[in-house]
Amino acid sequence: MQALRTLGWVIITIVLVAFVAINWTPVRVNFWPLEQGYLYFDWPIGFVALAFFVLGLLPMWLVHRAFRWRTAKRLAAMENSLRAAAVTPSVATAPVMPDRSIGSVTATDPLPPA
């Protein structure tokens, strides 16, 4: 399984490097308007595209990680409660009902009035 994961990451890396190499044309990215002009950088368009892809992916990845963390905490709490319930046996059992047939008297029957 680890070999497949590594192979997948190698393929993704090769595709990203090829994407950046093909799109090497520099573009001007304006960051902030200042009094003298704009603060800008000339970056290859492949880097700009990858940067915005990562910026778009980051919030959903954080939501996913938070969901997995919450689910793991809830599952651990449930497992702990089940483990605690298994250690302490339950004393509650069904009460024994006395035999109420005609002519039988048991020790649990109340005494007849005198």
C-alpha atoms as a PDB file:
ATOM      1  CA  MET A   1       0.000   0.000   0.000  1.00  0.00           C
ATOM      2  CA  GLN A   2       2.865   2.365   0.820  1.00  0.00           C
ATOM      3  CA  ALA A   3       4.417   1.682  -2.599  1.00  0.00           C
ATOM      4  CA  LEU A   4       1.173   2.701  -4.346  1.00  0.00           C
ATOM      5  CA  ARG A   5       0.960   5.889  -2.306  1.00  0.00           C
ATOM      6  CA  THR A   6       4.565   6.754  -3.171  1.00  0.00           C
ATOM      7  CA  LEU A   7       3.932   6.022  -6.844  1.00  0.00           C
ATOM      8  CA  GLY A   8       0.885   8.288  -6.768  1.00  0.00           C
ATOM      9  CA  TRP A   9       2.872  11.161  -5.252  1.00  0.00           C
ATOM     10  CA  VAL A  10       5.647  10.678  -7.826  1.00  0.00           C
ATOM     11  CA  ILE A  11       3.116  10.856 -10.677  1.00  0.00           C
ATOM     12  CA  ILE A  12       1.475  13.985  -9.215  1.00  0.00           C
ATOM     13  CA  THR A  13       4.895  15.630  -8.813  1.00  0.00           C
ATOM     14  CA  ILE A  14       5.856  14.841 -12.409  1.00  0.00           C
ATOM     15  CA  VAL A  15       2.576  16.292 -13.701  1.00  0.00           C
ATOM     16  CA  LEU A  16       2.999  19.484 -11.639  1.00  0.00           C
ATOM     17  CA  VAL A  17       6.616  19.965 -12.745  1.00  0.00           C
ATOM     18  CA  ALA A  18       5.571  19.447 -16.375  1.00  0.00           C
ATOM     19  CA  PHE A  19       2.730  21.972 -15.937  1.00  0.00           C
ATOM     20  CA  VAL A  20       5.081  24.613 -14.555  1.00  0.00           C
ATOM     21  CA  ALA A  21       7.715  23.889 -17.227  1.00  0.00           C
ATOM     22  CA  ILE A  22       5.164  24.260 -20.036  1.00  0.00           C
ATOM     23  CA  ASN A  23       3.714  27.485 -18.576  1.00  0.00           C
ATOM     24  CA  TRP A  24       6.977  29.293 -17.918  1.00  0.00           C
ATOM     25  CA  THR A  25       5.859  32.623 -19.411  1.00  0.00           C
ATOM     26  CA  PRO A  26       6.233  35.305 -16.719  1.00  0.00           C
ATOM     27  CA  VAL A  27       3.189  37.356 -15.805  1.00  0.00           C
ATOM     28  CA  ARG A  28       2.926  40.433 -13.627  1.00  0.00           C
ATOM     29  CA  VAL A  29       1.030  39.829 -10.382  1.00  0.00           C
ATOM     30  CA  ASN A  30      -0.094  43.022  -8.612  1.00  0.00           C
ATOM     31  CA  PHE A  31      -0.257  42.596  -4.850  1.00  0.00           C
ATOM     32  CA  TRP A  32      -0.971  45.962  -3.313  1.00  0.00           C
ATOM     33  CA  PRO A  33      -1.491  49.463  -4.687  1.00  0.00           C
ATOM     34  CA  LEU A  34       0.975  51.873  -3.147  1.00  0.00           C
ATOM     35  CA  GLU A  35       1.321  55.653  -3.562  1.00  0.00           C
ATOM     36  CA  GLN A  36       4.180  55.339  -6.059  1.00  0.00           C
ATOM     37  CA  GLY A  37       2.626  52.451  -7.963  1.00  0.00           C
ATOM     38  CA  TYR A  38       1.776  48.829  -7.511  1.00  0.00           C
ATOM     39  CA  LEU A  39       3.700  46.234  -5.582  1.00  0.00           C
ATOM     40  CA  TYR A  40       4.111  43.519  -8.175  1.00  0.00           C
ATOM     41  CA  PHE A  41       6.152  40.451  -8.943  1.00  0.00           C
ATOM     42  CA  ASP A  42       6.874  38.812 -12.281  1.00  0.00           C
ATOM     43  CA  TRP A  43       6.270  35.116 -11.774  1.00  0.00           C
ATOM     44  CA  PRO A  44       5.828  32.240 -14.186  1.00  0.00           C
ATOM     45  CA  ILE A  45       2.157  31.620 -14.830  1.00  0.00           C
ATOM     46  CA  GLY A  46       2.512  27.978 -13.740  1.00  0.00           C
ATOM     47  CA  PHE A  47       3.536  29.052 -10.227  1.00  0.00           C
ATOM     48  CA  VAL A  48       0.662  31.524 -10.056  1.00  0.00           C
ATOM     49  CA  ALA A  49      -1.841  28.862 -11.116  1.00  0.00           C
ATOM     50  CA  LEU A  50      -0.472  26.355  -8.584  1.00  0.00           C
ATOM     51  CA  ALA A  51      -0.472  28.961  -5.814  1.00  0.00           C
ATOM     52  CA  PHE A  52      -4.127  29.815  -6.383  1.00  0.00           C
ATOM     53  CA  PHE A  53      -5.021  26.135  -6.652  1.00  0.00           C
ATOM     54  CA  VAL A  54      -3.429  25.528  -3.249  1.00  0.00           C
ATOM     55  CA  LEU A  55      -5.139  28.617  -1.796  1.00  0.00           C
ATOM     56  CA  GLY A  56      -8.498  27.259  -2.999  1.00  0.00           C
ATOM     57  CA  LEU A  57      -7.774  23.749  -1.754  1.00  0.00           C
ATOM     58  CA  LEU A  58      -6.569  24.788   1.708  1.00  0.00           C
ATOM     59  CA  PRO A  59      -9.945  25.744   3.279  1.00  0.00           C
ATOM     60  CA  MET A  60     -11.616  22.496   2.206  1.00  0.00           C
ATOM     61  CA  TRP A  61      -8.642  20.478   3.422  1.00  0.00           C
ATOM     62  CA  LEU A  62      -8.878  22.202   6.807  1.00  0.00           C
ATOM     63  CA  VAL A  63     -12.623  21.448   6.987  1.00  0.00           C
ATOM     64  CA  HIS A  64     -11.907  17.818   6.123  1.00  0.00           C
ATOM     65  CA  ARG A  65      -9.220  17.523   8.811  1.00  0.00           C
ATOM     66  CA  ALA A  66     -11.522  19.120  11.411  1.00  0.00           C
ATOM     67  CA  PHE A  67     -14.308  16.673  10.505  1.00  0.00           C
ATOM     68  CA  ARG A  68     -11.952  13.707  10.820  1.00  0.00           C
ATOM     69  CA  TRP A  69     -10.639  14.992  14.164  1.00  0.00           C
ATOM     70  CA  ARG A  70     -14.185  15.476  15.533  1.00  0.00           C
ATOM     71  CA  THR A  71     -15.235  12.043  14.300  1.00  0.00           C
ATOM     72  CA  ALA A  72     -12.186  10.400  15.863  1.00  0.00           C
ATOM     73  CA  LYS A  73     -12.888  12.130  19.198  1.00  0.00           C
ATOM     74  CA  ARG A  74     -16.534  11.004  19.153  1.00  0.00           C
ATOM     75  CA  LEU A  75     -15.565   7.454  18.240  1.00  0.00           C
ATOM     76  CA  ALA A  76     -12.973   7.331  21.032  1.00  0.00           C
ATOM     77  CA  ALA A  77     -15.558   8.612  23.532  1.00  0.00           C
ATOM     78  CA  MET A  78     -18.036   5.931  22.438  1.00  0.00           C
ATOM     79  CA  GLU A  79     -15.407   3.203  22.659  1.00  0.00           C
ATOM     80  CA  ASN A  80     -14.436   4.357  26.154  1.00  0.00           C
ATOM     81  CA  SER A  81     -18.053   4.339  27.304  1.00  0.00           C
ATOM     82  CA  LEU A  82     -18.548   0.834  25.902  1.00  0.00           C
ATOM     83  CA  ARG A  83     -15.351  -0.313  27.592  1.00  0.00           C
ATOM     84  CA  ALA A  84     -16.495   1.165  30.911  1.00  0.00           C
ATOM     85  CA  ALA A  85     -19.926  -0.458  30.569  1.00  0.00           C
ATOM     86  CA  ALA A  86     -18.334  -3.857  29.900  1.00  0.00           C
ATOM     87  CA  VAL A  87     -16.187  -3.639  33.045  1.00  0.00           C
ATOM     88  CA  THR A  88     -19.042  -2.861  35.438  1.00  0.00           C
ATOM     89  CA  PRO A  89     -21.712  -5.560  35.116  1.00  0.00           C
ATOM     90  CA  SER A  90     -25.302  -4.548  35.355  1.00  0.00           C
ATOM     91  CA  VAL A  91     -27.126  -5.639  38.550  1.00  0.00           C
ATOM     92  CA  ALA A  92     -30.583  -4.876  37.261  1.00  0.00           C
ATOM     93  CA  THR A  93     -32.379  -8.115  36.471  1.00  0.00           C
ATOM     94  CA  ALA A  94     -36.018  -8.971  36.003  1.00  0.00           C
ATOM     95  CA  PRO A  95     -37.851  -9.462  39.322  1.00  0.00           C
ATOM     96  CA  VAL A  96     -38.973 -12.993  40.178  1.00  0.00           C
ATOM     97  CA  MET A  97     -42.747 -13.141  40.154  1.00  0.00           C
ATOM     98  CA  PRO A  98     -44.398 -15.392  42.792  1.00  0.00           C
ATOM     99  CA  ASP A  99     -46.517 -18.322  41.709  1.00  0.00           C
ATOM    100  CA  ARG A 100     -50.172 -17.264  42.062  1.00  0.00           C
ATOM    101  CA  SER A 101     -51.798 -20.598  41.365  1.00  0.00           C
ATOM    102  CA  ILE A 102     -54.569 -21.814  43.706  1.00  0.00           C
ATOM    103  CA  GLY A 103     -53.379 -23.555  46.843  1.00  0.00           C
ATOM    104  CA  SER A 104     -49.697 -22.664  46.602  1.00  0.00           C
ATOM    105  CA  VAL A 105     -48.025 -20.500  49.138  1.00  0.00           C
ATOM    106  CA  THR A 106     -44.488 -19.200  48.733  1.00  0.00           C
ATOM    107  CA  ALA A 107     -42.231 -17.340  51.077  1.00  0.00           C
ATOM    108  CA  THR A 108     -42.661 -14.120  49.109  1.00  0.00           C
ATOM    109  CA  ASP A 109     -46.445 -14.112  49.444  1.00  0.00           C
ATOM    110  CA  PRO A 110     -47.822 -11.719  52.039  1.00  0.00           C
ATOM    111  CA  LEU A 111     -49.485 -13.298  55.038  1.00  0.00           C
ATOM    112  CA  PRO A 112     -53.280 -13.480  54.878  1.00  0.00           C
ATOM    113  CA  PRO A 113     -55.037 -11.084  57.184  1.00  0.00           C
ATOM    114  CA  ALA A 114     -55.772 -12.630  60.595  1.00  0.00           C
END
